[in-house]
C-alpha atoms as a PDB file:
ATOM      1  CA  MET A   1     -18.496 -19.972   5.261  1.00  0.00           C
ATOM      2  CA  LYS A   2     -15.063 -19.786   3.726  1.00  0.00           C
ATOM      3  CA  MET A   3     -16.226 -17.115   1.264  1.00  0.00           C
ATOM      4  CA  LEU A   4     -17.619 -15.008   4.104  1.00  0.00           C
ATOM      5  CA  ALA A   5     -14.307 -15.329   5.908  1.00  0.00           C
ATOM      6  CA  TYR A   6     -12.426 -14.099   2.844  1.00  0.00           C
ATOM      7  CA  LEU A   7     -14.828 -11.143   2.588  1.00  0.00           C
ATOM      8  CA  LEU A   8     -14.215 -10.363   6.256  1.00  0.00           C
ATOM      9  CA  ILE A   9     -10.456 -10.491   5.712  1.00  0.00           C
ATOM     10  CA  THR A  10     -10.729  -8.181   2.690  1.00  0.00           C
ATOM     11  CA  ALA A  11     -12.922  -5.677   4.557  1.00  0.00           C
ATOM     12  CA  SER A  12     -10.582  -5.775   7.549  1.00  0.00           C
ATOM     13  CA  LEU A  13      -7.570  -5.080   5.335  1.00  0.00           C
ATOM     14  CA  ILE A  14      -9.330  -2.072   3.786  1.00  0.00           C
ATOM     15  CA  VAL A  15     -10.420  -0.671   7.155  1.00  0.00           C
ATOM     16  CA  GLY A  16      -6.977  -1.298   8.606  1.00  0.00           C
ATOM     17  CA  ALA A  17      -5.237   0.515   5.769  1.00  0.00           C
ATOM     18  CA  ILE A  18      -7.581   3.516   6.069  1.00  0.00           C
ATOM     19  CA  THR A  19      -7.312   3.815   9.829  1.00  0.00           C
ATOM     20  CA  ALA A  20      -3.545   3.275   9.844  1.00  0.00           C
ATOM     21  CA  SER A  21      -3.136   6.270   7.547  1.00  0.00           C
ATOM     22  CA  THR A  22      -4.681   8.475  10.286  1.00  0.00           C
ATOM     23  CA  ALA A  23      -2.228   7.489  13.028  1.00  0.00           C
ATOM     24  CA  TYR A  24      -0.468  10.873  12.769  1.00  0.00           C
ATOM     25  CA  LEU A  25      -3.546  12.894  11.826  1.00  0.00           C
ATOM     26  CA  VAL A  26      -5.116  15.152  14.464  1.00  0.00           C
ATOM     27  CA  ASP A  27      -8.601  16.627  14.265  1.00  0.00           C
ATOM     28  CA  ILE A  28      -8.367  20.288  15.296  1.00  0.00           C
ATOM     29  CA  GLY A  29     -12.041  21.041  14.654  1.00  0.00           C
ATOM     30  CA  THR A  30     -12.824  20.405  18.330  1.00  0.00           C
ATOM     31  CA  PRO A  31     -10.654  22.914  20.212  1.00  0.00           C
ATOM     32  CA  ASP A  32     -10.728  21.273  23.644  1.00  0.00           C
ATOM     33  CA  ALA A  33      -9.772  17.789  22.440  1.00  0.00           C
ATOM     34  CA  ALA A  34      -7.121  19.103  20.024  1.00  0.00           C
ATOM     35  CA  ASN A  35      -5.546  21.447  22.569  1.00  0.00           C
ATOM     36  CA  ASN A  36      -5.366  18.680  25.165  1.00  0.00           C
ATOM     37  CA  ALA A  37      -3.786  16.319  22.637  1.00  0.00           C
ATOM     38  CA  LEU A  38      -1.265  18.703  21.075  1.00  0.00           C
ATOM     39  CA  LEU A  39      -0.359  21.368  23.628  1.00  0.00           C
ATOM     40  CA  PRO A  40       1.942  20.467  26.564  1.00  0.00           C
ATOM     41  CA  ALA A  41      -0.090  20.326  29.759  1.00  0.00           C
ATOM     42  CA  ASP A  42       2.851  21.020  32.055  1.00  0.00           C
ATOM     43  CA  GLY A  43       3.704  24.378  30.471  1.00  0.00           C
ATOM     44  CA  SER A  44       6.949  23.006  29.027  1.00  0.00           C
ATOM     45  CA  ASP A  45       8.357  23.623  25.560  1.00  0.00           C
ATOM     46  CA  ASN A  46       7.570  20.100  24.402  1.00  0.00           C
ATOM     47  CA  PHE A  47       5.243  21.046  21.552  1.00  0.00           C
ATOM     48  CA  ALA A  48       4.143  18.690  18.789  1.00  0.00           C
ATOM     49  CA  LYS A  49       5.568  19.451  15.337  1.00  0.00           C
ATOM     50  CA  LEU A  50       3.978  19.379  11.901  1.00  0.00           C
ATOM     51  CA  SER A  51       5.152  16.639   9.538  1.00  0.00           C
ATOM     52  CA  SER A  52       3.588  18.327   6.500  1.00  0.00           C
ATOM     53  CA  PRO A  53       2.386  21.843   5.622  1.00  0.00           C
ATOM     54  CA  ALA A  54      -0.997  22.855   7.047  1.00  0.00           C
ATOM     55  CA  GLY A  55      -3.346  25.517   5.759  1.00  0.00           C
ATOM     56  CA  LYS A  56      -2.867  28.064   2.965  1.00  0.00           C
ATOM     57  CA  TYR A  57      -3.008  31.836   2.782  1.00  0.00           C
ATOM     58  CA  ASP A  58      -2.560  34.520   0.144  1.00  0.00           C
ATOM     59  CA  PRO A  59       0.397  36.796   1.076  1.00  0.00           C
ATOM     60  CA  HIS A  60      -1.363  39.588  -0.853  1.00  0.00           C
ATOM     61  CA  GLY A  61      -4.672  39.013   0.841  1.00  0.00           C
ATOM     62  CA  ASP A  62      -6.179  40.176   4.123  1.00  0.00           C
ATOM     63  CA  PHE A  63      -3.590  42.423   5.818  1.00  0.00           C
ATOM     64  CA  GLU A  64      -4.434  41.533   9.414  1.00  0.00           C
ATOM     65  CA  LEU A  65      -4.353  37.799   8.686  1.00  0.00           C
ATOM     66  CA  VAL A  66      -1.044  38.066   6.848  1.00  0.00           C
ATOM     67  CA  GLN A  67       0.479  40.021   9.736  1.00  0.00           C
ATOM     68  CA  ALA A  68      -0.795  37.492  12.276  1.00  0.00           C
ATOM     69  CA  ILE A  69       0.733  34.635  10.297  1.00  0.00           C
ATOM     70  CA  LYS A  70       4.045  36.460   9.973  1.00  0.00           C
ATOM     71  CA  ARG A  71       4.033  37.120  13.715  1.00  0.00           C
ATOM     72  CA  TYR A  72       3.641  33.382  14.342  1.00  0.00           C
ATOM     73  CA  GLN A  73       6.160  32.256  11.735  1.00  0.00           C
ATOM     74  CA  ASP A  74       8.887  34.790  12.537  1.00  0.00           C
ATOM     75  CA  GLY A  75       8.354  34.965  16.282  1.00  0.00           C
ATOM     76  CA  GLU A  76       7.219  38.001  18.268  1.00  0.00           C
ATOM     77  CA  ASP A  77      10.690  39.515  18.730  1.00  0.00           C
ATOM     78  CA  THR A  78      11.712  39.180  15.096  1.00  0.00           C
ATOM     79  CA  TYR A  79       8.360  40.469  13.927  1.00  0.00           C
ATOM     80  CA  GLN A  80       8.601  43.602  16.115  1.00  0.00           C
ATOM     81  CA  GLU A  81      12.150  44.290  14.941  1.00  0.00           C
ATOM     82  CA  GLU A  82      11.066  44.106  11.303  1.00  0.00           C
ATOM     83  CA  GLN A  83       8.143  46.433  11.961  1.00  0.00           C
ATOM     84  CA  GLU A  84      10.420  48.993  13.633  1.00  0.00           C
ATOM     85  CA  ARG A  85      12.919  48.745  10.786  1.00  0.00           C
ATOM     86  CA  ALA A  86      10.140  49.288   8.243  1.00  0.00           C
ATOM     87  CA  VAL A  87       9.024  52.432  10.062  1.00  0.00           C
ATOM     88  CA  GLU A  88      12.561  53.785  10.085  1.00  0.00           C
ATOM     89  CA  LEU A  89      12.978  53.185   6.365  1.00  0.00           C
ATOM     90  CA  MET A  90       9.635  54.809   5.492  1.00  0.00           C
ATOM     91  CA  PRO A  91      10.286  58.195   3.754  1.00  0.00           C
ATOM     92  CA  ALA A  92       9.058  61.291   5.591  1.00  0.00           C
ATOM     93  CA  ALA A  93       6.097  63.091   4.052  1.00  0.00           C
ATOM     94  CA  ASP A  94       7.018  66.272   2.128  1.00  0.00           C
ATOM     95  CA  ALA A  95       5.147  69.349   3.417  1.00  0.00           C
ATOM     96  CA  SER A  96       4.870  70.728  -0.117  1.00  0.00           C
ATOM     97  CA  ASP A  97       2.996  67.601  -1.165  1.00  0.00           C
ATOM     98  CA  SER A  98       0.251  68.364   1.327  1.00  0.00           C
ATOM     99  CA  GLU A  99      -0.459  71.779  -0.195  1.00  0.00           C
ATOM    100  CA  GLY A 100      -3.062  72.051  -2.905  1.00  0.00           C
ATOM    101  CA  SER A 101      -1.870  71.618  -6.424  1.00  0.00           C
ATOM    102  CA  SER A 102      -2.575  74.238  -9.051  1.00  0.00           C
ATOM    103  CA  GLY A 103      -2.886  71.630 -11.763  1.00  0.00           C
ATOM    104  CA  PRO A 104      -6.071  69.902 -12.800  1.00  0.00           C
ATOM    105  CA  GLU A 105      -7.336  67.195 -10.505  1.00  0.00           C
ATOM    106  CA  LEU A 106      -6.853  63.671 -11.783  1.00  0.00           C
ATOM    107  CA  GLU A 107      -9.880  61.468 -11.854  1.00  0.00           C
ATOM    108  CA  ALA A 108      -9.718  58.381  -9.641  1.00  0.00           C
ATOM    109  CA  LEU A 109      -8.471  55.363 -11.556  1.00  0.00           C
ATOM    110  CA  ASP A 110     -10.429  52.122 -11.467  1.00  0.00           C
ATOM    111  CA  MET A 111      -7.756  49.660 -10.238  1.00  0.00           C
ATOM    112  CA  GLN A 112      -9.577  46.376 -10.806  1.00  0.00           C
ATOM    113  CA  PRO A 113      -7.162  43.400 -10.773  1.00  0.00           C
ATOM    114  CA  THR A 114      -6.561  41.748 -14.122  1.00  0.00           C
ATOM    115  CA  GLY A 115      -6.916  38.023 -14.765  1.00  0.00           C
ATOM    116  CA  GLU A 116      -3.145  37.673 -14.832  1.00  0.00           C
ATOM    117  CA  THR A 117      -2.897  39.355 -11.445  1.00  0.00           C
ATOM    118  CA  LEU A 118      -5.522  37.063  -9.963  1.00  0.00           C
ATOM    119  CA  LEU A 119      -3.789  33.980 -11.356  1.00  0.00           C
ATOM    120  CA  ALA A 120      -0.447  35.114  -9.936  1.00  0.00           C
ATOM    121  CA  ARG A 121      -2.036  35.581  -6.520  1.00  0.00           C
ATOM    122  CA  ARG A 122      -3.540  32.117  -6.564  1.00  0.00           C
ATOM    123  CA  GLU A 123      -0.224  30.571  -7.522  1.00  0.00           C
ATOM    124  CA  ALA A 124       1.528  32.508  -4.740  1.00  0.00           C
ATOM    125  CA  VAL A 125      -0.363  30.876  -1.850  1.00  0.00           C
ATOM    126  CA  LEU A 126       1.864  29.901   1.052  1.00  0.00           C
ATOM    127  CA  PRO A 127       1.379  27.401   3.910  1.00  0.00           C
ATOM    128  CA  ILE A 128       0.332  28.780   7.259  1.00  0.00           C
ATOM    129  CA  GLY A 129       2.102  26.014   9.157  1.00  0.00           C
ATOM    130  CA  ARG A 130       5.325  24.731   7.615  1.00  0.00           C
ATOM    131  CA  THR A 131       6.866  21.303   8.006  1.00  0.00           C
ATOM    132  CA  GLY A 132       8.685  21.179  11.338  1.00  0.00           C
ATOM    133  CA  ASP A 133       6.764  24.121  12.855  1.00  0.00           C
ATOM    134  CA  ARG A 134       5.645  23.756  16.450  1.00  0.00           C
ATOM    135  CA  VAL A 135       1.924  23.332  16.976  1.00  0.00           C
ATOM    136  CA  THR A 136       1.078  26.191  19.313  1.00  0.00           C
ATOM    137  CA  GLU A 137      -2.226  27.691  20.349  1.00  0.00           C
ATOM    138  CA  ASP A 138      -1.607  30.628  17.993  1.00  0.00           C
ATOM    139  CA  LEU A 139      -1.097  28.270  15.043  1.00  0.00           C
ATOM    140  CA  LEU A 140      -4.247  26.310  15.873  1.00  0.00           C
ATOM    141  CA  GLY A 141      -6.220  29.560  16.000  1.00  0.00           C
ATOM    142  CA  LEU A 142      -4.897  30.658  12.597  1.00  0.00           C
ATOM    143  CA  LEU A 143      -5.667  27.256  11.065  1.00  0.00           C
ATOM    144  CA  ARG A 144      -9.210  27.206  12.431  1.00  0.00           C
ATOM    145  CA  GLU A 145      -9.750  30.707  11.078  1.00  0.00           C
ATOM    146  CA  ARG A 146      -8.912  29.322   7.628  1.00  0.00           C
ATOM    147  CA  ASP A 147     -11.293  26.333   8.134  1.00  0.00           C
ATOM    148  CA  VAL A 148      -8.495  23.757   8.402  1.00  0.00           C
ATOM    149  CA  ARG A 149      -9.969  20.645  10.020  1.00  0.00           C
ATOM    150  CA  SER A 150      -6.892  18.483  10.629  1.00  0.00           C
ATOM    151  CA  VAL A 151      -3.100  18.548  10.776  1.00  0.00           C
ATOM    152  CA  ARG A 152      -0.470  15.835  10.430  1.00  0.00           C
ATOM    153  CA  VAL A 153       2.151  15.661  13.187  1.00  0.00           C
ATOM    154  CA  SER A 154       5.518  13.921  13.378  1.00  0.00           C
ATOM    155  CA  LYS A 155       5.068  12.015  16.634  1.00  0.00           C
ATOM    156  CA  PHE A 156       2.621   9.156  17.273  1.00  0.00           C
ATOM    157  CA  SER A 157       0.430   9.137  20.359  1.00  0.00           C
ATOM    158  CA  ALA A 158      -1.832   6.177  21.167  1.00  0.00           C
ATOM    159  CA  GLU A 159      -3.856   8.299  23.611  1.00  0.00           C
ATOM    160  CA  ARG A 160      -4.524  10.837  20.880  1.00  0.00           C
ATOM    161  CA  TRP A 161      -5.268   8.200  18.188  1.00  0.00           C
ATOM    162  CA  PHE A 162      -7.813   6.402  20.335  1.00  0.00           C
ATOM    163  CA  GLY A 163      -9.380   9.650  21.546  1.00  0.00           C
ATOM    164  CA  LYS A 164     -11.570  12.371  20.106  1.00  0.00           C
ATOM    165  CA  ALA A 165      -8.622  14.236  18.595  1.00  0.00           C
ATOM    166  CA  GLY A 166      -7.799  11.136  16.562  1.00  0.00           C
ATOM    167  CA  ARG A 167     -11.460  10.620  15.562  1.00  0.00           C
ATOM    168  CA  PHE A 168     -11.345   7.312  17.469  1.00  0.00           C
ATOM    169  CA  MET A 169      -9.569   5.745  14.467  1.00  0.00           C
ATOM    170  CA  GLY A 170      -7.383   3.639  16.728  1.00  0.00           C
ATOM    171  CA  TRP A 171     -10.414   1.594  17.702  1.00  0.00           C
ATOM    172  CA  GLY A 172     -11.181   1.039  14.032  1.00  0.00           C
ATOM    173  CA  PHE A 173      -7.665  -0.285  13.542  1.00  0.00           C
ATOM    174  CA  LEU A 174      -8.073  -2.710  16.447  1.00  0.00           C
ATOM    175  CA  ALA A 175     -11.421  -3.834  15.023  1.00  0.00           C
ATOM    176  CA  SER A 176      -9.751  -4.534  11.663  1.00  0.00           C
ATOM    177  CA  ALA A 177      -7.011  -6.552  13.364  1.00  0.00           C
ATOM    178  CA  PHE A 178      -9.639  -8.561  15.208  1.00  0.00           C
ATOM    179  CA  GLY A 179     -11.508  -9.109  11.924  1.00  0.00           C
ATOM    180  CA  LEU A 180      -8.311 -10.441  10.301  1.00  0.00           C
ATOM    181  CA  PHE A 181      -7.794 -12.838  13.196  1.00  0.00           C
ATOM    182  CA  VAL A 182     -11.388 -14.112  13.099  1.00  0.00           C
ATOM    183  CA  GLY A 183     -11.293 -14.483   9.308  1.00  0.00           C
ATOM    184  CA  ALA A 184      -8.028 -16.417   9.441  1.00  0.00           C
ATOM    185  CA  MET A 185      -9.410 -18.746  12.104  1.00  0.00           C
ATOM    186  CA  VAL A 186     -12.554 -19.421  10.064  1.00  0.00           C
ATOM    187  CA  VAL A 187     -10.516 -20.151   6.928  1.00  0.00           C
ATOM    188  CA  ARG A 188      -8.247 -22.479   8.874  1.00  0.00           C
ATOM    189  CA  ARG A 189     -11.194 -24.332  10.375  1.00  0.00           C
ATOM    190  CA  ALA A 190     -12.920 -24.647   6.984  1.00  0.00           C
ATOM    191  CA  THR A 191      -9.702 -26.011   5.460  1.00  0.00           C
ATOM    192  CA  LYS A 192      -9.469 -28.643   8.187  1.00  0.00           C
ATOM    193  CA  GLN A 193     -13.057 -29.633   7.530  1.00  0.00           C
ATOM    194  CA  GLU A 194     -12.305 -30.000   3.814  1.00  0.00           C
ATOM    195  CA  ILE A 195      -9.336 -32.229   4.617  1.00  0.00           C
ATOM    196  CA  ALA A 196     -11.493 -34.335   6.945  1.00  0.00           C
ATOM    197  CA  ALA A 197     -14.096 -34.701   4.201  1.00  0.00           C
ATOM    198  CA  THR A 198     -11.366 -35.769   1.776  1.00  0.00           C
ATOM    199  CA  ARG A 199     -10.256 -38.454   4.207  1.00  0.00           C
ATOM    200  CA  GLU A 200     -13.759 -39.815   4.521  1.00  0.00           C
ATOM    201  CA  THR A 201     -14.451 -39.916   0.772  1.00  0.00           C
ATOM    202  CA  GLY A 202     -11.023 -40.664  -0.611  1.00  0.00           C
ATOM    203  CA  GLY A 203      -9.078 -42.355   2.125  1.00  0.00           C
ATOM    204  CA  ASP A 204      -5.551 -41.081   2.640  1.00  0.00           C
ATOM    205  CA  GLU A 205      -5.343 -37.332   2.104  1.00  0.00           C
ATOM    206  CA  ARG A 206      -1.999 -37.763   0.326  1.00  0.00           C
ATOM    207  CA  ALA A 207      -3.316 -40.318  -2.169  1.00  0.00           C
ATOM    208  CA  GLY A 208      -4.474 -37.735  -4.714  1.00  0.00           C
ATOM    209  CA  ALA A 209      -1.186 -35.884  -5.134  1.00  0.00           C
ATOM    210  CA  SER A 210       0.959 -38.973  -4.655  1.00  0.00           C
ATOM    211  CA  ALA A 211      -1.031 -40.972  -7.199  1.00  0.00           C
ATOM    212  CA  ALA A 212      -0.895 -38.150  -9.748  1.00  0.00           C
ATOM    213  CA  PHE A 213       2.852 -37.757  -9.230  1.00  0.00           C
ATOM    214  CA  ALA A 214       3.380 -41.506  -9.652  1.00  0.00           C
ATOM    215  CA  GLN A 215       1.487 -41.368 -12.959  1.00  0.00           C
ATOM    216  CA  ILE A 216       3.619 -38.430 -14.151  1.00  0.00           C
ATOM    217  CA  ASN A 217       6.804 -40.197 -13.190  1.00  0.00           C
ATOM    218  CA  ASN A 218       5.742 -43.444 -14.859  1.00  0.00           C
ATOM    219  CA  ALA A 219       4.679 -41.600 -18.055  1.00  0.00           C
ATOM    220  CA  LEU A 220       8.019 -39.770 -18.372  1.00  0.00           C
ATOM    221  CA  GLU A 221      10.115 -42.883 -17.709  1.00  0.00           C
ATOM    222  CA  THR A 222       8.061 -44.902 -20.200  1.00  0.00           C
ATOM    223  CA  LEU A 223       8.463 -42.143 -22.774  1.00  0.00           C
ATOM    224  CA  GLN A 224      12.230 -42.139 -22.232  1.00  0.00           C
ATOM    225  CA  ARG A 225      12.429 -45.924 -22.799  1.00  0.00           C
ATOM    226  CA  ASP A 226      10.187 -45.881 -25.856  1.00  0.00           C
ATOM    227  CA  LEU A 227      12.158 -43.058 -27.480  1.00  0.00           C
ATOM    228  CA  ALA A 228      15.331 -45.159 -27.287  1.00  0.00           C
ATOM    229  CA  GLY A 229      13.835 -47.652 -29.765  1.00  0.00           C
ATOM    230  CA  VAL A 230      12.746 -45.068 -32.350  1.00  0.00           C
ATOM    231  CA  ARG A 231      15.089 -43.401 -34.844  1.00  0.00           C
ATOM    232  CA  GLU A 232      12.703 -41.360 -37.027  1.00  0.00           C
ATOM    233  CA  PRO A 233      12.726 -37.710 -35.719  1.00  0.00           C
ATOM    234  CA  ARG A 234       9.154 -37.042 -36.785  1.00  0.00           C
ATOM    235  CA  VAL A 235       7.892 -40.084 -34.919  1.00  0.00           C
ATOM    236  CA  ARG A 236       9.926 -39.206 -31.852  1.00  0.00           C
ATOM    237  CA  ASN A 237       8.498 -35.667 -31.814  1.00  0.00           C
ATOM    238  CA  ALA A 238       4.971 -37.016 -32.206  1.00  0.00           C
ATOM    239  CA  MET A 239       5.486 -39.383 -29.237  1.00  0.00           C
ATOM    240  CA  ILE A 240       6.669 -36.512 -27.045  1.00  0.00           C
ATOM    241  CA  VAL A 241       3.719 -34.322 -28.006  1.00  0.00           C
ATOM    242  CA  GLU A 242       1.208 -37.115 -27.368  1.00  0.00           C
ATOM    243  CA  ARG A 243       2.603 -38.470 -24.067  1.00  0.00           C
ATOM    244  CA  ILE A 244       3.321 -35.104 -22.462  1.00  0.00           C
ATOM    245  CA  GLY A 245      -0.059 -33.837 -23.690  1.00  0.00           C
ATOM    246  CA  VAL A 246      -1.712 -36.548 -21.598  1.00  0.00           C
ATOM    247  CA  ILE A 247       0.310 -35.472 -18.559  1.00  0.00           C
ATOM    248  CA  GLN A 248      -0.690 -31.848 -19.059  1.00  0.00           C
ATOM    249  CA  ARG A 249      -4.363 -32.719 -19.523  1.00  0.00           C
ATOM    250  CA  ASP A 250      -4.914 -35.365 -16.855  1.00  0.00           C
ATOM    251  CA  TYR A 251      -2.121 -35.838 -14.325  1.00  0.00           C
ATOM    252  CA  ALA A 252      -0.816 -32.314 -13.611  1.00  0.00           C
ATOM    253  CA  PRO A 253      -4.296 -30.845 -12.857  1.00  0.00           C
ATOM    254  CA  ALA A 254      -5.021 -33.801 -10.546  1.00  0.00           C
ATOM    255  CA  PHE A 255      -1.820 -33.049  -8.631  1.00  0.00           C
ATOM    256  CA  VAL A 256      -2.696 -29.364  -8.197  1.00  0.00           C
ATOM    257  CA  ALA A 257      -6.318 -30.175  -7.271  1.00  0.00           C
ATOM    258  CA  ASP A 258      -5.092 -31.874  -4.082  1.00  0.00           C
ATOM    259  CA  ARG A 259      -3.974 -28.475  -2.738  1.00  0.00           C
ATOM    260  CA  PRO A 260      -6.119 -28.436   0.492  1.00  0.00           C
ATOM    261  CA  ALA A 261      -4.815 -31.847   1.586  1.00  0.00           C
ATOM    262  CA  LEU A 262      -1.225 -30.904   0.762  1.00  0.00           C
ATOM    263  CA  ILE A 263      -1.486 -27.667   2.780  1.00  0.00           C
ATOM    264  CA  GLY A 264      -2.988 -29.586   5.681  1.00  0.00           C
ATOM    265  CA  SER A 265      -0.091 -32.059   5.638  1.00  0.00           C
ATOM    266  CA  LEU A 266       2.819 -29.758   4.783  1.00  0.00           C
ATOM    267  CA  GLY A 267       1.651 -26.336   5.943  1.00  0.00           C
ATOM    268  CA  LEU A 268       1.819 -23.266   3.740  1.00  0.00           C
ATOM    269  CA  GLY A 269       5.624 -23.157   3.803  1.00  0.00           C
ATOM    270  CA  GLY A 270       6.056 -26.795   2.834  1.00  0.00           C
ATOM    271  CA  PHE A 271       3.360 -26.537   0.163  1.00  0.00           C
ATOM    272  CA  ALA A 272       5.126 -23.494  -1.328  1.00  0.00           C
ATOM    273  CA  GLU A 273       8.427 -25.433  -1.526  1.00  0.00           C
ATOM    274  CA  LEU A 274       6.672 -28.412  -3.153  1.00  0.00           C
ATOM    275  CA  MET A 275       4.928 -26.258  -5.758  1.00  0.00           C
ATOM    276  CA  ASP A 276       8.157 -24.437  -6.538  1.00  0.00           C
ATOM    277  CA  ARG A 277       9.783 -27.701  -7.651  1.00  0.00           C
ATOM    278  CA  PHE A 278       6.613 -28.943  -9.346  1.00  0.00           C
ATOM    279  CA  ALA A 279       6.401 -25.677 -11.327  1.00  0.00           C
ATOM    280  CA  ALA A 280      10.020 -26.217 -12.461  1.00  0.00           C
ATOM    281  CA  LEU A 281       9.021 -29.717 -13.578  1.00  0.00           C
ATOM    282  CA  GLU A 282       6.032 -28.364 -15.495  1.00  0.00           C
ATOM    283  CA  ARG A 283       8.180 -25.753 -17.242  1.00  0.00           C
ATOM    284  CA  GLN A 284      10.556 -28.403 -18.571  1.00  0.00           C
ATOM    285  CA  MET A 285       7.666 -30.610 -19.733  1.00  0.00           C
ATOM    286  CA  ASN A 286       6.019 -27.654 -21.475  1.00  0.00           C
ATOM    287  CA  ARG A 287       9.298 -26.797 -23.197  1.00  0.00           C
ATOM    288  CA  ALA A 288       9.704 -30.376 -24.362  1.00  0.00           C
ATOM    289  CA  TRP A 289       6.143 -30.403 -25.735  1.00  0.00           C
ATOM    290  CA  SER A 290       6.546 -27.039 -27.460  1.00  0.00           C
ATOM    291  CA  ALA A 291       9.927 -27.961 -29.018  1.00  0.00           C
ATOM    292  CA  ALA A 292       8.582 -31.297 -30.251  1.00  0.00           C
ATOM    293  CA  ALA A 293       5.529 -29.588 -31.733  1.00  0.00           C
ATOM    294  CA  ASP A 294       7.899 -27.301 -33.641  1.00  0.00           C
ATOM    295  CA  GLU A 295       9.995 -30.344 -34.637  1.00  0.00           C
ATOM    296  CA  HIS A 296      13.073 -29.260 -32.692  1.00  0.00           C
ATOM    297  CA  GLU A 297      14.013 -32.734 -31.521  1.00  0.00           C
ATOM    298  CA  ASP A 298      17.267 -31.928 -29.719  1.00  0.00           C
ATOM    299  CA  GLU A 299      15.693 -29.228 -27.586  1.00  0.00           C
ATOM    300  CA  ALA A 300      12.712 -31.474 -26.822  1.00  0.00           C
ATOM    301  CA  ILE A 301      14.948 -34.344 -25.666  1.00  0.00           C
ATOM    302  CA  THR A 302      17.082 -32.000 -23.537  1.00  0.00           C
ATOM    303  CA  SER A 303      13.992 -30.581 -21.797  1.00  0.00           C
ATOM    304  CA  LEU A 304      12.675 -34.102 -21.220  1.00  0.00           C
ATOM    305  CA  TYR A 305      15.902 -35.177 -19.492  1.00  0.00           C
ATOM    306  CA  ARG A 306      15.798 -32.020 -17.351  1.00  0.00           C
ATOM    307  CA  ALA A 307      12.250 -32.842 -16.315  1.00  0.00           C
ATOM    308  CA  LEU A 308      13.325 -36.360 -15.308  1.00  0.00           C
ATOM    309  CA  ALA A 309      16.164 -34.861 -13.257  1.00  0.00           C
ATOM    310  CA  ILE A 310      13.704 -32.717 -11.274  1.00  0.00           C
ATOM    311  CA  MET A 311      11.409 -35.634 -10.425  1.00  0.00           C
ATOM    312  CA  PRO A 312      13.411 -36.745  -7.321  1.00  0.00           C
ATOM    313  CA  GLU A 313      13.304 -33.178  -5.970  1.00  0.00           C
ATOM    314  CA  VAL A 314       9.505 -33.144  -6.218  1.00  0.00           C
ATOM    315  CA  ALA A 315       9.283 -36.582  -4.609  1.00  0.00           C
ATOM    316  CA  GLN A 316      11.420 -35.379  -1.699  1.00  0.00           C
ATOM    317  CA  LYS A 317       8.999 -32.494  -1.013  1.00  0.00           C
ATOM    318  CA  LEU A 318       5.878 -34.685  -1.025  1.00  0.00           C
ATOM    319  CA  PRO A 319       4.368 -35.804   2.308  1.00  0.00           C
ATOM    320  CA  GLN A 320       6.003 -39.045   3.409  1.00  0.00           C
END
């Protein structure tokens, strides 16, 4: 049951991440839903704005499309002014040019675009809708003409996200949140059942960790006393390697194995604080063992004393 709960939590996290990424994405493939979601219904100037470029077009491509995009991007007034200015600057046709030429007629040239020209055109594509542009009906029409299916806007709308324009992704996000809640409840219930089973089979749920800690403490204190009566460095190093090796092999794993009962007694926060100090204790014991194995007696003794100094901190974090 616990494994199924973890799978549910994992699936919910994945679905939640995917649906959350669509919170500002609007499906414009359905005109009615998109227009209702993006265009102001009261006729005001409160248009949605793009948060990223939308659509692409070739400025050297279809003339009518390019002019329509320029009309949208520049505004109708600016576009008309530029067109009038272009007409004024256009040179007048010379009457002599219209008369027939006495020279030989030139054959029509085959002006097929070169590969370099085609590559330059592809690299010169521009966005139809730029970041910060207002989402108007004209822009939506241009984007649909270029087969753009969705746009990303700068303002969140729950009504849009839960509706057709948001592809109903909001409901998927709520479902993922519900899945996380259910999974967490199942894990919590399973953990309580494990703790109850531990009580029935092993008595006090704190006995496992407390007993293992008492064995670690007793082993370190005994090692400290025994080292005081030995002068030979090689023997002292061998004692440290042997005694701490027993702790690493038997007592420390038994302490960690009591994790469910410790979490049930201390909570996740208290368990994290306990394991932080126990990890510090383990590091000092491991350093003492490693130094003794390399016959660095001074470093081994120093690490042993540091481990003994941390013992009261671990004892303070244990369930009382």
